[in-house]
Amino acid sequence: MYDYQLENDFRELSIYDNLIKLDIKSYYGRVCTHHIEFRSANGSEETSV
């Protein structure tokens, strides 16, 4: 019984850890690519992402 519970807890922890990593990646993907303004060499604004 102990081994079964330990294995089950470890599996759930691994799933939870992967979900957190996915959530962090998607959050920073949105933050880092939202309204980035690029300026050309002459100082005029170009397209934003």
N, C-alpha and C. Protein backbone atom coordinates (compact mmCIF):
# COMPACT_ATOMS: atom_id res chain seq x y z
N MET A 1 0.82 -1.19 0.00
CA MET A 1 0.00 0.00 0.00
C MET A 1 0.87 1.26 0.00
N TYR A 2 1.92 1.27 0.79
CA TYR A 2 2.80 2.44 0.86
C TYR A 2 3.45 2.72 -0.49
N ASP A 3 3.97 1.68 -1.15
CA ASP A 3 4.61 1.85 -2.45
C ASP A 3 3.63 2.38 -3.49
N TYR A 4 2.42 1.87 -3.46
CA TYR A 4 1.40 2.33 -4.41
C TYR A 4 1.10 3.81 -4.19
N GLN A 5 0.92 4.22 -2.94
CA GLN A 5 0.62 5.62 -2.64
C GLN A 5 1.78 6.53 -3.01
N LEU A 6 2.99 6.08 -2.73
CA LEU A 6 4.18 6.85 -3.06
C LEU A 6 4.30 7.04 -4.57
N GLU A 7 4.09 5.98 -5.32
CA GLU A 7 4.15 6.06 -6.77
C GLU A 7 3.04 6.98 -7.32
N ASN A 8 1.85 6.87 -6.77
CA ASN A 8 0.74 7.71 -7.20
C ASN A 8 1.01 9.19 -6.88
N ASP A 9 1.52 9.47 -5.70
CA ASP A 9 1.85 10.85 -5.34
C ASP A 9 2.94 11.43 -6.24
N PHE A 10 3.94 10.62 -6.54
CA PHE A 10 5.01 11.08 -7.42
C PHE A 10 4.48 11.38 -8.82
N ARG A 11 3.60 10.54 -9.34
CA ARG A 11 3.01 10.75 -10.66
C ARG A 11 2.20 12.04 -10.69
N GLU A 12 1.40 12.26 -9.65
CA GLU A 12 0.60 13.49 -9.59
C GLU A 12 1.48 14.73 -9.45
N LEU A 13 2.55 14.62 -8.68
CA LEU A 13 3.48 15.74 -8.53
C LEU A 13 4.16 16.06 -9.86
N SER A 14 4.52 15.04 -10.61
CA SER A 14 5.16 15.25 -11.91
C SER A 14 4.20 15.95 -12.88
N ILE A 15 2.95 15.53 -12.87
CA ILE A 15 1.95 16.16 -13.74
C ILE A 15 1.76 17.61 -13.33
N TYR A 16 1.63 17.87 -12.04
CA TYR A 16 1.46 19.23 -11.52
C TYR A 16 2.64 20.11 -11.90
N ASP A 17 3.86 19.59 -11.78
CA ASP A 17 5.07 20.33 -12.12
C ASP A 17 5.07 20.70 -13.59
N ASN A 18 4.69 19.77 -14.46
CA ASN A 18 4.65 20.06 -15.90
C ASN A 18 3.58 21.08 -16.24
N LEU A 19 2.45 21.04 -15.58
CA LEU A 19 1.40 22.02 -15.82
C LEU A 19 1.84 23.42 -15.41
N ILE A 20 2.56 23.51 -14.30
CA ILE A 20 3.08 24.81 -13.86
C ILE A 20 4.07 25.36 -14.89
N LYS A 21 4.95 24.50 -15.40
CA LYS A 21 5.93 24.95 -16.39
C LYS A 21 5.23 25.44 -17.65
N LEU A 22 4.20 24.74 -18.09
CA LEU A 22 3.45 25.17 -19.27
C LEU A 22 2.77 26.51 -19.03
N ASP A 23 2.19 26.68 -17.85
CA ASP A 23 1.52 27.93 -17.52
C ASP A 23 2.51 29.09 -17.50
N ILE A 24 3.68 28.88 -16.92
CA ILE A 24 4.70 29.93 -16.87
C ILE A 24 5.17 30.29 -18.27
N LYS A 25 5.39 29.29 -19.11
CA LYS A 25 5.83 29.56 -20.49
C LYS A 25 4.78 30.35 -21.25
N SER A 26 3.51 29.98 -21.11
CA SER A 26 2.47 30.71 -21.84
C SER A 26 2.32 32.12 -21.29
N TYR A 27 2.45 32.31 -19.98
CA TYR A 27 2.36 33.65 -19.39
C TYR A 27 3.47 34.55 -19.91
N TYR A 28 4.69 34.09 -19.86
CA TYR A 28 5.80 34.92 -20.32
C TYR A 28 5.78 35.09 -21.83
N GLY A 29 5.24 34.13 -22.55
CA GLY A 29 5.07 34.30 -23.99
C GLY A 29 4.14 35.46 -24.30
N ARG A 30 3.07 35.60 -23.53
CA ARG A 30 2.13 36.71 -23.73
C ARG A 30 2.75 38.03 -23.28
N VAL A 31 3.43 38.02 -22.16
CA VAL A 31 4.01 39.25 -21.63
C VAL A 31 5.11 39.76 -22.54
N CYS A 32 5.97 38.89 -22.99
CA CYS A 32 7.14 39.31 -23.77
C CYS A 32 6.81 39.72 -25.19
N THR A 33 5.67 39.31 -25.73
CA THR A 33 5.37 39.64 -27.13
C THR A 33 4.22 40.63 -27.26
N HIS A 34 3.79 41.24 -26.15
CA HIS A 34 2.65 42.14 -26.20
C HIS A 34 3.12 43.59 -26.33
N HIS A 35 2.75 44.24 -27.40
CA HIS A 35 3.04 45.66 -27.65
C HIS A 35 4.53 46.00 -27.57
N ILE A 36 5.31 45.29 -28.34
CA ILE A 36 6.72 45.63 -28.44
C ILE A 36 6.87 46.56 -29.64
N GLU A 37 7.38 47.74 -29.42
CA GLU A 37 7.56 48.70 -30.50
C GLU A 37 9.01 48.69 -30.96
N PHE A 38 9.20 48.59 -32.26
CA PHE A 38 10.53 48.60 -32.83
C PHE A 38 10.78 49.97 -33.46
N ARG A 39 11.97 50.47 -33.28
CA ARG A 39 12.34 51.74 -33.90
C ARG A 39 13.40 51.48 -34.96
N SER A 40 13.25 52.14 -36.07
CA SER A 40 14.23 51.99 -37.14
C SER A 40 15.44 52.87 -36.83
N ALA A 41 16.44 52.80 -37.69
CA ALA A 41 17.68 53.55 -37.47
C ALA A 41 17.43 55.05 -37.46
N ASN A 42 16.43 55.53 -38.20
CA ASN A 42 16.18 56.98 -38.24
C ASN A 42 15.25 57.44 -37.12
N GLY A 43 14.82 56.54 -36.23
CA GLY A 43 14.05 56.90 -35.07
C GLY A 43 12.54 56.81 -35.24
N SER A 44 12.07 56.52 -36.44
CA SER A 44 10.62 56.41 -36.62
C SER A 44 10.14 55.06 -36.13
N GLU A 45 8.90 55.04 -35.65
CA GLU A 45 8.34 53.79 -35.12
C GLU A 45 7.91 52.88 -36.26
N GLU A 46 8.15 51.60 -36.08
CA GLU A 46 7.73 50.61 -37.06
C GLU A 46 6.62 49.77 -36.44
N THR A 47 6.33 48.64 -37.01
CA THR A 47 5.22 47.81 -36.55
C THR A 47 5.46 47.31 -35.14
N SER A 48 4.36 47.11 -34.42
CA SER A 48 4.47 46.51 -33.09
C SER A 48 3.93 45.09 -33.16
N VAL A 49 4.46 44.24 -32.32
CA VAL A 49 4.08 42.83 -32.32
C VAL A 49 3.04 42.61 -31.25
